Amino acid sequence: APRRSGERRRWLETLVAEPRAAVF
């Protein structure tokens, strides 16, 4: 996962509608 909160939240936004399980 990205280290910084801002980058991390933008990354998490890409998973909002992701139908697959995500592992990190």
PDBML (XML) file of the C-alpha atoms, coordinates in Angstrom:
<?xml version="1.0" encoding="UTF-8" ?>
<PDBx:datablock datablockName="MODEL"
   xmlns:PDBx="http://pdbml.pdb.org/schema/pdbx-v50.xsd"
   xmlns:xsi="http://www.w3.org/2001/XMLSchema-instance"
   xsi:schemaLocation="http://pdbml.pdb.org/schema/pdbx-v50.xsd pdbx-v50.xsd">
   <PDBx:atom_siteCategory>
      <PDBx:atom_site id="1">
         <PDBx:B_iso_or_equiv>0.00</PDBx:B_iso_or_equiv>
         <PDBx:Cartn_x>0.000</PDBx:Cartn_x>
         <PDBx:Cartn_y>0.000</PDBx:Cartn_y>
         <PDBx:Cartn_z>0.000</PDBx:Cartn_z>
         <PDBx:auth_asym_id>A</PDBx:auth_asym_id>
         <PDBx:auth_atom_id>CA</PDBx:auth_atom_id>
         <PDBx:auth_comp_id>ALA</PDBx:auth_comp_id>
         <PDBx:auth_seq_id>1</PDBx:auth_seq_id>
         <PDBx:group_PDB>ATOM</PDBx:group_PDB>
         <PDBx:label_alt_id xsi:nil="true" />
         <PDBx:label_asym_id>A</PDBx:label_asym_id>
         <PDBx:label_atom_id>CA</PDBx:label_atom_id>
         <PDBx:label_comp_id>ALA</PDBx:label_comp_id>
         <PDBx:label_entity_id>1</PDBx:label_entity_id>
         <PDBx:label_seq_id>1</PDBx:label_seq_id>
         <PDBx:occupancy>1.00</PDBx:occupancy>
         <PDBx:pdbx_PDB_model_num>1</PDBx:pdbx_PDB_model_num>
         <PDBx:type_symbol>C</PDBx:type_symbol>
      </PDBx:atom_site>
      <PDBx:atom_site id="2">
         <PDBx:B_iso_or_equiv>0.00</PDBx:B_iso_or_equiv>
         <PDBx:Cartn_x>1.228</PDBx:Cartn_x>
         <PDBx:Cartn_y>3.577</PDBx:Cartn_y>
         <PDBx:Cartn_z>-0.630</PDBx:Cartn_z>
         <PDBx:auth_asym_id>A</PDBx:auth_asym_id>
         <PDBx:auth_atom_id>CA</PDBx:auth_atom_id>
         <PDBx:auth_comp_id>PRO</PDBx:auth_comp_id>
         <PDBx:auth_seq_id>2</PDBx:auth_seq_id>
         <PDBx:group_PDB>ATOM</PDBx:group_PDB>
         <PDBx:label_alt_id xsi:nil="true" />
         <PDBx:label_asym_id>A</PDBx:label_asym_id>
         <PDBx:label_atom_id>CA</PDBx:label_atom_id>
         <PDBx:label_comp_id>PRO</PDBx:label_comp_id>
         <PDBx:label_entity_id>1</PDBx:label_entity_id>
         <PDBx:label_seq_id>2</PDBx:label_seq_id>
         <PDBx:occupancy>1.00</PDBx:occupancy>
         <PDBx:pdbx_PDB_model_num>1</PDBx:pdbx_PDB_model_num>
         <PDBx:type_symbol>C</PDBx:type_symbol>
      </PDBx:atom_site>
      <PDBx:atom_site id="3">
         <PDBx:B_iso_or_equiv>0.00</PDBx:B_iso_or_equiv>
         <PDBx:Cartn_x>2.970</PDBx:Cartn_x>
         <PDBx:Cartn_y>5.094</PDBx:Cartn_y>
         <PDBx:Cartn_z>2.372</PDBx:Cartn_z>
         <PDBx:auth_asym_id>A</PDBx:auth_asym_id>
         <PDBx:auth_atom_id>CA</PDBx:auth_atom_id>
         <PDBx:auth_comp_id>ARG</PDBx:auth_comp_id>
         <PDBx:auth_seq_id>3</PDBx:auth_seq_id>
         <PDBx:group_PDB>ATOM</PDBx:group_PDB>
         <PDBx:label_alt_id xsi:nil="true" />
         <PDBx:label_asym_id>A</PDBx:label_asym_id>
         <PDBx:label_atom_id>CA</PDBx:label_atom_id>
         <PDBx:label_comp_id>ARG</PDBx:label_comp_id>
         <PDBx:label_entity_id>1</PDBx:label_entity_id>
         <PDBx:label_seq_id>3</PDBx:label_seq_id>
         <PDBx:occupancy>1.00</PDBx:occupancy>
         <PDBx:pdbx_PDB_model_num>1</PDBx:pdbx_PDB_model_num>
         <PDBx:type_symbol>C</PDBx:type_symbol>
      </PDBx:atom_site>
      <PDBx:atom_site id="4">
         <PDBx:B_iso_or_equiv>0.00</PDBx:B_iso_or_equiv>
         <PDBx:Cartn_x>1.333</PDBx:Cartn_x>
         <PDBx:Cartn_y>8.553</PDBx:Cartn_y>
         <PDBx:Cartn_z>2.356</PDBx:Cartn_z>
         <PDBx:auth_asym_id>A</PDBx:auth_asym_id>
         <PDBx:auth_atom_id>CA</PDBx:auth_atom_id>
         <PDBx:auth_comp_id>ARG</PDBx:auth_comp_id>
         <PDBx:auth_seq_id>4</PDBx:auth_seq_id>
         <PDBx:group_PDB>ATOM</PDBx:group_PDB>
         <PDBx:label_alt_id xsi:nil="true" />
         <PDBx:label_asym_id>A</PDBx:label_asym_id>
         <PDBx:label_atom_id>CA</PDBx:label_atom_id>
         <PDBx:label_comp_id>ARG</PDBx:label_comp_id>
         <PDBx:label_entity_id>1</PDBx:label_entity_id>
         <PDBx:label_seq_id>4</PDBx:label_seq_id>
         <PDBx:occupancy>1.00</PDBx:occupancy>
         <PDBx:pdbx_PDB_model_num>1</PDBx:pdbx_PDB_model_num>
         <PDBx:type_symbol>C</PDBx:type_symbol>
      </PDBx:atom_site>
      <PDBx:atom_site id="5">
         <PDBx:B_iso_or_equiv>0.00</PDBx:B_iso_or_equiv>
         <PDBx:Cartn_x>-2.317</PDBx:Cartn_x>
         <PDBx:Cartn_y>8.966</PDBx:Cartn_y>
         <PDBx:Cartn_z>3.292</PDBx:Cartn_z>
         <PDBx:auth_asym_id>A</PDBx:auth_asym_id>
         <PDBx:auth_atom_id>CA</PDBx:auth_atom_id>
         <PDBx:auth_comp_id>SER</PDBx:auth_comp_id>
         <PDBx:auth_seq_id>5</PDBx:auth_seq_id>
         <PDBx:group_PDB>ATOM</PDBx:group_PDB>
         <PDBx:label_alt_id xsi:nil="true" />
         <PDBx:label_asym_id>A</PDBx:label_asym_id>
         <PDBx:label_atom_id>CA</PDBx:label_atom_id>
         <PDBx:label_comp_id>SER</PDBx:label_comp_id>
         <PDBx:label_entity_id>1</PDBx:label_entity_id>
         <PDBx:label_seq_id>5</PDBx:label_seq_id>
         <PDBx:occupancy>1.00</PDBx:occupancy>
         <PDBx:pdbx_PDB_model_num>1</PDBx:pdbx_PDB_model_num>
         <PDBx:type_symbol>C</PDBx:type_symbol>
      </PDBx:atom_site>
      <PDBx:atom_site id="6">
         <PDBx:B_iso_or_equiv>0.00</PDBx:B_iso_or_equiv>
         <PDBx:Cartn_x>-3.224</PDBx:Cartn_x>
         <PDBx:Cartn_y>11.087</PDBx:Cartn_y>
         <PDBx:Cartn_z>0.259</PDBx:Cartn_z>
         <PDBx:auth_asym_id>A</PDBx:auth_asym_id>
         <PDBx:auth_atom_id>CA</PDBx:auth_atom_id>
         <PDBx:auth_comp_id>GLY</PDBx:auth_comp_id>
         <PDBx:auth_seq_id>6</PDBx:auth_seq_id>
         <PDBx:group_PDB>ATOM</PDBx:group_PDB>
         <PDBx:label_alt_id xsi:nil="true" />
         <PDBx:label_asym_id>A</PDBx:label_asym_id>
         <PDBx:label_atom_id>CA</PDBx:label_atom_id>
         <PDBx:label_comp_id>GLY</PDBx:label_comp_id>
         <PDBx:label_entity_id>1</PDBx:label_entity_id>
         <PDBx:label_seq_id>6</PDBx:label_seq_id>
         <PDBx:occupancy>1.00</PDBx:occupancy>
         <PDBx:pdbx_PDB_model_num>1</PDBx:pdbx_PDB_model_num>
         <PDBx:type_symbol>C</PDBx:type_symbol>
      </PDBx:atom_site>
      <PDBx:atom_site id="7">
         <PDBx:B_iso_or_equiv>0.00</PDBx:B_iso_or_equiv>
         <PDBx:Cartn_x>-1.719</PDBx:Cartn_x>
         <PDBx:Cartn_y>8.620</PDBx:Cartn_y>
         <PDBx:Cartn_z>-2.202</PDBx:Cartn_z>
         <PDBx:auth_asym_id>A</PDBx:auth_asym_id>
         <PDBx:auth_atom_id>CA</PDBx:auth_atom_id>
         <PDBx:auth_comp_id>GLU</PDBx:auth_comp_id>
         <PDBx:auth_seq_id>7</PDBx:auth_seq_id>
         <PDBx:group_PDB>ATOM</PDBx:group_PDB>
         <PDBx:label_alt_id xsi:nil="true" />
         <PDBx:label_asym_id>A</PDBx:label_asym_id>
         <PDBx:label_atom_id>CA</PDBx:label_atom_id>
         <PDBx:label_comp_id>GLU</PDBx:label_comp_id>
         <PDBx:label_entity_id>1</PDBx:label_entity_id>
         <PDBx:label_seq_id>7</PDBx:label_seq_id>
         <PDBx:occupancy>1.00</PDBx:occupancy>
         <PDBx:pdbx_PDB_model_num>1</PDBx:pdbx_PDB_model_num>
         <PDBx:type_symbol>C</PDBx:type_symbol>
      </PDBx:atom_site>
      <PDBx:atom_site id="8">
         <PDBx:B_iso_or_equiv>0.00</PDBx:B_iso_or_equiv>
         <PDBx:Cartn_x>-3.186</PDBx:Cartn_x>
         <PDBx:Cartn_y>5.741</PDBx:Cartn_y>
         <PDBx:Cartn_z>-0.237</PDBx:Cartn_z>
         <PDBx:auth_asym_id>A</PDBx:auth_asym_id>
         <PDBx:auth_atom_id>CA</PDBx:auth_atom_id>
         <PDBx:auth_comp_id>ARG</PDBx:auth_comp_id>
         <PDBx:auth_seq_id>8</PDBx:auth_seq_id>
         <PDBx:group_PDB>ATOM</PDBx:group_PDB>
         <PDBx:label_alt_id xsi:nil="true" />
         <PDBx:label_asym_id>A</PDBx:label_asym_id>
         <PDBx:label_atom_id>CA</PDBx:label_atom_id>
         <PDBx:label_comp_id>ARG</PDBx:label_comp_id>
         <PDBx:label_entity_id>1</PDBx:label_entity_id>
         <PDBx:label_seq_id>8</PDBx:label_seq_id>
         <PDBx:occupancy>1.00</PDBx:occupancy>
         <PDBx:pdbx_PDB_model_num>1</PDBx:pdbx_PDB_model_num>
         <PDBx:type_symbol>C</PDBx:type_symbol>
      </PDBx:atom_site>
      <PDBx:atom_site id="9">
         <PDBx:B_iso_or_equiv>0.00</PDBx:B_iso_or_equiv>
         <PDBx:Cartn_x>-6.701</PDBx:Cartn_x>
         <PDBx:Cartn_y>7.156</PDBx:Cartn_y>
         <PDBx:Cartn_z>-0.410</PDBx:Cartn_z>
         <PDBx:auth_asym_id>A</PDBx:auth_asym_id>
         <PDBx:auth_atom_id>CA</PDBx:auth_atom_id>
         <PDBx:auth_comp_id>ARG</PDBx:auth_comp_id>
         <PDBx:auth_seq_id>9</PDBx:auth_seq_id>
         <PDBx:group_PDB>ATOM</PDBx:group_PDB>
         <PDBx:label_alt_id xsi:nil="true" />
         <PDBx:label_asym_id>A</PDBx:label_asym_id>
         <PDBx:label_atom_id>CA</PDBx:label_atom_id>
         <PDBx:label_comp_id>ARG</PDBx:label_comp_id>
         <PDBx:label_entity_id>1</PDBx:label_entity_id>
         <PDBx:label_seq_id>9</PDBx:label_seq_id>
         <PDBx:occupancy>1.00</PDBx:occupancy>
         <PDBx:pdbx_PDB_model_num>1</PDBx:pdbx_PDB_model_num>
         <PDBx:type_symbol>C</PDBx:type_symbol>
      </PDBx:atom_site>
      <PDBx:atom_site id="10">
         <PDBx:B_iso_or_equiv>0.00</PDBx:B_iso_or_equiv>
         <PDBx:Cartn_x>-6.398</PDBx:Cartn_x>
         <PDBx:Cartn_y>7.753</PDBx:Cartn_y>
         <PDBx:Cartn_z>-4.154</PDBx:Cartn_z>
         <PDBx:auth_asym_id>A</PDBx:auth_asym_id>
         <PDBx:auth_atom_id>CA</PDBx:auth_atom_id>
         <PDBx:auth_comp_id>ARG</PDBx:auth_comp_id>
         <PDBx:auth_seq_id>10</PDBx:auth_seq_id>
         <PDBx:group_PDB>ATOM</PDBx:group_PDB>
         <PDBx:label_alt_id xsi:nil="true" />
         <PDBx:label_asym_id>A</PDBx:label_asym_id>
         <PDBx:label_atom_id>CA</PDBx:label_atom_id>
         <PDBx:label_comp_id>ARG</PDBx:label_comp_id>
         <PDBx:label_entity_id>1</PDBx:label_entity_id>
         <PDBx:label_seq_id>10</PDBx:label_seq_id>
         <PDBx:occupancy>1.00</PDBx:occupancy>
         <PDBx:pdbx_PDB_model_num>1</PDBx:pdbx_PDB_model_num>
         <PDBx:type_symbol>C</PDBx:type_symbol>
      </PDBx:atom_site>
      <PDBx:atom_site id="11">
         <PDBx:B_iso_or_equiv>0.00</PDBx:B_iso_or_equiv>
         <PDBx:Cartn_x>-5.244</PDBx:Cartn_x>
         <PDBx:Cartn_y>4.145</PDBx:Cartn_y>
         <PDBx:Cartn_z>-4.532</PDBx:Cartn_z>
         <PDBx:auth_asym_id>A</PDBx:auth_asym_id>
         <PDBx:auth_atom_id>CA</PDBx:auth_atom_id>
         <PDBx:auth_comp_id>TRP</PDBx:auth_comp_id>
         <PDBx:auth_seq_id>11</PDBx:auth_seq_id>
         <PDBx:group_PDB>ATOM</PDBx:group_PDB>
         <PDBx:label_alt_id xsi:nil="true" />
         <PDBx:label_asym_id>A</PDBx:label_asym_id>
         <PDBx:label_atom_id>CA</PDBx:label_atom_id>
         <PDBx:label_comp_id>TRP</PDBx:label_comp_id>
         <PDBx:label_entity_id>1</PDBx:label_entity_id>
         <PDBx:label_seq_id>11</PDBx:label_seq_id>
         <PDBx:occupancy>1.00</PDBx:occupancy>
         <PDBx:pdbx_PDB_model_num>1</PDBx:pdbx_PDB_model_num>
         <PDBx:type_symbol>C</PDBx:type_symbol>
      </PDBx:atom_site>
      <PDBx:atom_site id="12">
         <PDBx:B_iso_or_equiv>0.00</PDBx:B_iso_or_equiv>
         <PDBx:Cartn_x>-8.153</PDBx:Cartn_x>
         <PDBx:Cartn_y>2.884</PDBx:Cartn_y>
         <PDBx:Cartn_z>-2.419</PDBx:Cartn_z>
         <PDBx:auth_asym_id>A</PDBx:auth_asym_id>
         <PDBx:auth_atom_id>CA</PDBx:auth_atom_id>
         <PDBx:auth_comp_id>LEU</PDBx:auth_comp_id>
         <PDBx:auth_seq_id>12</PDBx:auth_seq_id>
         <PDBx:group_PDB>ATOM</PDBx:group_PDB>
         <PDBx:label_alt_id xsi:nil="true" />
         <PDBx:label_asym_id>A</PDBx:label_asym_id>
         <PDBx:label_atom_id>CA</PDBx:label_atom_id>
         <PDBx:label_comp_id>LEU</PDBx:label_comp_id>
         <PDBx:label_entity_id>1</PDBx:label_entity_id>
         <PDBx:label_seq_id>12</PDBx:label_seq_id>
         <PDBx:occupancy>1.00</PDBx:occupancy>
         <PDBx:pdbx_PDB_model_num>1</PDBx:pdbx_PDB_model_num>
         <PDBx:type_symbol>C</PDBx:type_symbol>
      </PDBx:atom_site>
      <PDBx:atom_site id="13">
         <PDBx:B_iso_or_equiv>0.00</PDBx:B_iso_or_equiv>
         <PDBx:Cartn_x>-10.563</PDBx:Cartn_x>
         <PDBx:Cartn_y>4.846</PDBx:Cartn_y>
         <PDBx:Cartn_z>-4.619</PDBx:Cartn_z>
         <PDBx:auth_asym_id>A</PDBx:auth_asym_id>
         <PDBx:auth_atom_id>CA</PDBx:auth_atom_id>
         <PDBx:auth_comp_id>GLU</PDBx:auth_comp_id>
         <PDBx:auth_seq_id>13</PDBx:auth_seq_id>
         <PDBx:group_PDB>ATOM</PDBx:group_PDB>
         <PDBx:label_alt_id xsi:nil="true" />
         <PDBx:label_asym_id>A</PDBx:label_asym_id>
         <PDBx:label_atom_id>CA</PDBx:label_atom_id>
         <PDBx:label_comp_id>GLU</PDBx:label_comp_id>
         <PDBx:label_entity_id>1</PDBx:label_entity_id>
         <PDBx:label_seq_id>13</PDBx:label_seq_id>
         <PDBx:occupancy>1.00</PDBx:occupancy>
         <PDBx:pdbx_PDB_model_num>1</PDBx:pdbx_PDB_model_num>
         <PDBx:type_symbol>C</PDBx:type_symbol>
      </PDBx:atom_site>
      <PDBx:atom_site id="14">
         <PDBx:B_iso_or_equiv>0.00</PDBx:B_iso_or_equiv>
         <PDBx:Cartn_x>-9.528</PDBx:Cartn_x>
         <PDBx:Cartn_y>2.612</PDBx:Cartn_y>
         <PDBx:Cartn_z>-7.521</PDBx:Cartn_z>
         <PDBx:auth_asym_id>A</PDBx:auth_asym_id>
         <PDBx:auth_atom_id>CA</PDBx:auth_atom_id>
         <PDBx:auth_comp_id>THR</PDBx:auth_comp_id>
         <PDBx:auth_seq_id>14</PDBx:auth_seq_id>
         <PDBx:group_PDB>ATOM</PDBx:group_PDB>
         <PDBx:label_alt_id xsi:nil="true" />
         <PDBx:label_asym_id>A</PDBx:label_asym_id>
         <PDBx:label_atom_id>CA</PDBx:label_atom_id>
         <PDBx:label_comp_id>THR</PDBx:label_comp_id>
         <PDBx:label_entity_id>1</PDBx:label_entity_id>
         <PDBx:label_seq_id>14</PDBx:label_seq_id>
         <PDBx:occupancy>1.00</PDBx:occupancy>
         <PDBx:pdbx_PDB_model_num>1</PDBx:pdbx_PDB_model_num>
         <PDBx:type_symbol>C</PDBx:type_symbol>
      </PDBx:atom_site>
      <PDBx:atom_site id="15">
         <PDBx:B_iso_or_equiv>0.00</PDBx:B_iso_or_equiv>
         <PDBx:Cartn_x>-10.818</PDBx:Cartn_x>
         <PDBx:Cartn_y>-0.350</PDBx:Cartn_y>
         <PDBx:Cartn_z>-5.498</PDBx:Cartn_z>
         <PDBx:auth_asym_id>A</PDBx:auth_asym_id>
         <PDBx:auth_atom_id>CA</PDBx:auth_atom_id>
         <PDBx:auth_comp_id>LEU</PDBx:auth_comp_id>
         <PDBx:auth_seq_id>15</PDBx:auth_seq_id>
         <PDBx:group_PDB>ATOM</PDBx:group_PDB>
         <PDBx:label_alt_id xsi:nil="true" />
         <PDBx:label_asym_id>A</PDBx:label_asym_id>
         <PDBx:label_atom_id>CA</PDBx:label_atom_id>
         <PDBx:label_comp_id>LEU</PDBx:label_comp_id>
         <PDBx:label_entity_id>1</PDBx:label_entity_id>
         <PDBx:label_seq_id>15</PDBx:label_seq_id>
         <PDBx:occupancy>1.00</PDBx:occupancy>
         <PDBx:pdbx_PDB_model_num>1</PDBx:pdbx_PDB_model_num>
         <PDBx:type_symbol>C</PDBx:type_symbol>
      </PDBx:atom_site>
      <PDBx:atom_site id="16">
         <PDBx:B_iso_or_equiv>0.00</PDBx:B_iso_or_equiv>
         <PDBx:Cartn_x>-14.254</PDBx:Cartn_x>
         <PDBx:Cartn_y>1.111</PDBx:Cartn_y>
         <PDBx:Cartn_z>-4.699</PDBx:Cartn_z>
         <PDBx:auth_asym_id>A</PDBx:auth_asym_id>
         <PDBx:auth_atom_id>CA</PDBx:auth_atom_id>
         <PDBx:auth_comp_id>VAL</PDBx:auth_comp_id>
         <PDBx:auth_seq_id>16</PDBx:auth_seq_id>
         <PDBx:group_PDB>ATOM</PDBx:group_PDB>
         <PDBx:label_alt_id xsi:nil="true" />
         <PDBx:label_asym_id>A</PDBx:label_asym_id>
         <PDBx:label_atom_id>CA</PDBx:label_atom_id>
         <PDBx:label_comp_id>VAL</PDBx:label_comp_id>
         <PDBx:label_entity_id>1</PDBx:label_entity_id>
         <PDBx:label_seq_id>16</PDBx:label_seq_id>
         <PDBx:occupancy>1.00</PDBx:occupancy>
         <PDBx:pdbx_PDB_model_num>1</PDBx:pdbx_PDB_model_num>
         <PDBx:type_symbol>C</PDBx:type_symbol>
      </PDBx:atom_site>
      <PDBx:atom_site id="17">
         <PDBx:B_iso_or_equiv>0.00</PDBx:B_iso_or_equiv>
         <PDBx:Cartn_x>-15.930</PDBx:Cartn_x>
         <PDBx:Cartn_y>-0.673</PDBx:Cartn_y>
         <PDBx:Cartn_z>-7.621</PDBx:Cartn_z>
         <PDBx:auth_asym_id>A</PDBx:auth_asym_id>
         <PDBx:auth_atom_id>CA</PDBx:auth_atom_id>
         <PDBx:auth_comp_id>ALA</PDBx:auth_comp_id>
         <PDBx:auth_seq_id>17</PDBx:auth_seq_id>
         <PDBx:group_PDB>ATOM</PDBx:group_PDB>
         <PDBx:label_alt_id xsi:nil="true" />
         <PDBx:label_asym_id>A</PDBx:label_asym_id>
         <PDBx:label_atom_id>CA</PDBx:label_atom_id>
         <PDBx:label_comp_id>ALA</PDBx:label_comp_id>
         <PDBx:label_entity_id>1</PDBx:label_entity_id>
         <PDBx:label_seq_id>17</PDBx:label_seq_id>
         <PDBx:occupancy>1.00</PDBx:occupancy>
         <PDBx:pdbx_PDB_model_num>1</PDBx:pdbx_PDB_model_num>
         <PDBx:type_symbol>C</PDBx:type_symbol>
      </PDBx:atom_site>
      <PDBx:atom_site id="18">
         <PDBx:B_iso_or_equiv>0.00</PDBx:B_iso_or_equiv>
         <PDBx:Cartn_x>-13.320</PDBx:Cartn_x>
         <PDBx:Cartn_y>-3.444</PDBx:Cartn_y>
         <PDBx:Cartn_z>-8.080</PDBx:Cartn_z>
         <PDBx:auth_asym_id>A</PDBx:auth_asym_id>
         <PDBx:auth_atom_id>CA</PDBx:auth_atom_id>
         <PDBx:auth_comp_id>GLU</PDBx:auth_comp_id>
         <PDBx:auth_seq_id>18</PDBx:auth_seq_id>
         <PDBx:group_PDB>ATOM</PDBx:group_PDB>
         <PDBx:label_alt_id xsi:nil="true" />
         <PDBx:label_asym_id>A</PDBx:label_asym_id>
         <PDBx:label_atom_id>CA</PDBx:label_atom_id>
         <PDBx:label_comp_id>GLU</PDBx:label_comp_id>
         <PDBx:label_entity_id>1</PDBx:label_entity_id>
         <PDBx:label_seq_id>18</PDBx:label_seq_id>
         <PDBx:occupancy>1.00</PDBx:occupancy>
         <PDBx:pdbx_PDB_model_num>1</PDBx:pdbx_PDB_model_num>
         <PDBx:type_symbol>C</PDBx:type_symbol>
      </PDBx:atom_site>
      <PDBx:atom_site id="19">
         <PDBx:B_iso_or_equiv>0.00</PDBx:B_iso_or_equiv>
         <PDBx:Cartn_x>-15.300</PDBx:Cartn_x>
         <PDBx:Cartn_y>-6.715</PDBx:Cartn_y>
         <PDBx:Cartn_z>-8.246</PDBx:Cartn_z>
         <PDBx:auth_asym_id>A</PDBx:auth_asym_id>
         <PDBx:auth_atom_id>CA</PDBx:auth_atom_id>
         <PDBx:auth_comp_id>PRO</PDBx:auth_comp_id>
         <PDBx:auth_seq_id>19</PDBx:auth_seq_id>
         <PDBx:group_PDB>ATOM</PDBx:group_PDB>
         <PDBx:label_alt_id xsi:nil="true" />
         <PDBx:label_asym_id>A</PDBx:label_asym_id>
         <PDBx:label_atom_id>CA</PDBx:label_atom_id>
         <PDBx:label_comp_id>PRO</PDBx:label_comp_id>
         <PDBx:label_entity_id>1</PDBx:label_entity_id>
         <PDBx:label_seq_id>19</PDBx:label_seq_id>
         <PDBx:occupancy>1.00</PDBx:occupancy>
         <PDBx:pdbx_PDB_model_num>1</PDBx:pdbx_PDB_model_num>
         <PDBx:type_symbol>C</PDBx:type_symbol>
      </PDBx:atom_site>
      <PDBx:atom_site id="20">
         <PDBx:B_iso_or_equiv>0.00</PDBx:B_iso_or_equiv>
         <PDBx:Cartn_x>-12.262</PDBx:Cartn_x>
         <PDBx:Cartn_y>-8.908</PDBx:Cartn_y>
         <PDBx:Cartn_z>-7.542</PDBx:Cartn_z>
         <PDBx:auth_asym_id>A</PDBx:auth_asym_id>
         <PDBx:auth_atom_id>CA</PDBx:auth_atom_id>
         <PDBx:auth_comp_id>ARG</PDBx:auth_comp_id>
         <PDBx:auth_seq_id>20</PDBx:auth_seq_id>
         <PDBx:group_PDB>ATOM</PDBx:group_PDB>
         <PDBx:label_alt_id xsi:nil="true" />
         <PDBx:label_asym_id>A</PDBx:label_asym_id>
         <PDBx:label_atom_id>CA</PDBx:label_atom_id>
         <PDBx:label_comp_id>ARG</PDBx:label_comp_id>
         <PDBx:label_entity_id>1</PDBx:label_entity_id>
         <PDBx:label_seq_id>20</PDBx:label_seq_id>
         <PDBx:occupancy>1.00</PDBx:occupancy>
         <PDBx:pdbx_PDB_model_num>1</PDBx:pdbx_PDB_model_num>
         <PDBx:type_symbol>C</PDBx:type_symbol>
      </PDBx:atom_site>
      <PDBx:atom_site id="21">
         <PDBx:B_iso_or_equiv>0.00</PDBx:B_iso_or_equiv>
         <PDBx:Cartn_x>-10.772</PDBx:Cartn_x>
         <PDBx:Cartn_y>-9.565</PDBx:Cartn_y>
         <PDBx:Cartn_z>-4.121</PDBx:Cartn_z>
         <PDBx:auth_asym_id>A</PDBx:auth_asym_id>
         <PDBx:auth_atom_id>CA</PDBx:auth_atom_id>
         <PDBx:auth_comp_id>ALA</PDBx:auth_comp_id>
         <PDBx:auth_seq_id>21</PDBx:auth_seq_id>
         <PDBx:group_PDB>ATOM</PDBx:group_PDB>
         <PDBx:label_alt_id xsi:nil="true" />
         <PDBx:label_asym_id>A</PDBx:label_asym_id>
         <PDBx:label_atom_id>CA</PDBx:label_atom_id>
         <PDBx:label_comp_id>ALA</PDBx:label_comp_id>
         <PDBx:label_entity_id>1</PDBx:label_entity_id>
         <PDBx:label_seq_id>21</PDBx:label_seq_id>
         <PDBx:occupancy>1.00</PDBx:occupancy>
         <PDBx:pdbx_PDB_model_num>1</PDBx:pdbx_PDB_model_num>
         <PDBx:type_symbol>C</PDBx:type_symbol>
      </PDBx:atom_site>
      <PDBx:atom_site id="22">
         <PDBx:B_iso_or_equiv>0.00</PDBx:B_iso_or_equiv>
         <PDBx:Cartn_x>-7.702</PDBx:Cartn_x>
         <PDBx:Cartn_y>-7.353</PDBx:Cartn_y>
         <PDBx:Cartn_z>-3.612</PDBx:Cartn_z>
         <PDBx:auth_asym_id>A</PDBx:auth_asym_id>
         <PDBx:auth_atom_id>CA</PDBx:auth_atom_id>
         <PDBx:auth_comp_id>ALA</PDBx:auth_comp_id>
         <PDBx:auth_seq_id>22</PDBx:auth_seq_id>
         <PDBx:group_PDB>ATOM</PDBx:group_PDB>
         <PDBx:label_alt_id xsi:nil="true" />
         <PDBx:label_asym_id>A</PDBx:label_asym_id>
         <PDBx:label_atom_id>CA</PDBx:label_atom_id>
         <PDBx:label_comp_id>ALA</PDBx:label_comp_id>
         <PDBx:label_entity_id>1</PDBx:label_entity_id>
         <PDBx:label_seq_id>22</PDBx:label_seq_id>
         <PDBx:occupancy>1.00</PDBx:occupancy>
         <PDBx:pdbx_PDB_model_num>1</PDBx:pdbx_PDB_model_num>
         <PDBx:type_symbol>C</PDBx:type_symbol>
      </PDBx:atom_site>
      <PDBx:atom_site id="23">
         <PDBx:B_iso_or_equiv>0.00</PDBx:B_iso_or_equiv>
         <PDBx:Cartn_x>-4.571</PDBx:Cartn_x>
         <PDBx:Cartn_y>-8.488</PDBx:Cartn_y>
         <PDBx:Cartn_z>-1.770</PDBx:Cartn_z>
         <PDBx:auth_asym_id>A</PDBx:auth_asym_id>
         <PDBx:auth_atom_id>CA</PDBx:auth_atom_id>
         <PDBx:auth_comp_id>VAL</PDBx:auth_comp_id>
         <PDBx:auth_seq_id>23</PDBx:auth_seq_id>
         <PDBx:group_PDB>ATOM</PDBx:group_PDB>
         <PDBx:label_alt_id xsi:nil="true" />
         <PDBx:label_asym_id>A</PDBx:label_asym_id>
         <PDBx:label_atom_id>CA</PDBx:label_atom_id>
         <PDBx:label_comp_id>VAL</PDBx:label_comp_id>
         <PDBx:label_entity_id>1</PDBx:label_entity_id>
         <PDBx:label_seq_id>23</PDBx:label_seq_id>
         <PDBx:occupancy>1.00</PDBx:occupancy>
         <PDBx:pdbx_PDB_model_num>1</PDBx:pdbx_PDB_model_num>
         <PDBx:type_symbol>C</PDBx:type_symbol>
      </PDBx:atom_site>
      <PDBx:atom_site id="24">
         <PDBx:B_iso_or_equiv>0.00</PDBx:B_iso_or_equiv>
         <PDBx:Cartn_x>-1.845</PDBx:Cartn_x>
         <PDBx:Cartn_y>-6.164</PDBx:Cartn_y>
         <PDBx:Cartn_z>-0.554</PDBx:Cartn_z>
         <PDBx:auth_asym_id>A</PDBx:auth_asym_id>
         <PDBx:auth_atom_id>CA</PDBx:auth_atom_id>
         <PDBx:auth_comp_id>PHE</PDBx:auth_comp_id>
         <PDBx:auth_seq_id>24</PDBx:auth_seq_id>
         <PDBx:group_PDB>ATOM</PDBx:group_PDB>
         <PDBx:label_alt_id xsi:nil="true" />
         <PDBx:label_asym_id>A</PDBx:label_asym_id>
         <PDBx:label_atom_id>CA</PDBx:label_atom_id>
         <PDBx:label_comp_id>PHE</PDBx:label_comp_id>
         <PDBx:label_entity_id>1</PDBx:label_entity_id>
         <PDBx:label_seq_id>24</PDBx:label_seq_id>
         <PDBx:occupancy>1.00</PDBx:occupancy>
         <PDBx:pdbx_PDB_model_num>1</PDBx:pdbx_PDB_model_num>
         <PDBx:type_symbol>C</PDBx:type_symbol>
      </PDBx:atom_site>
   </PDBx:atom_siteCategory>
</PDBx:datablock>
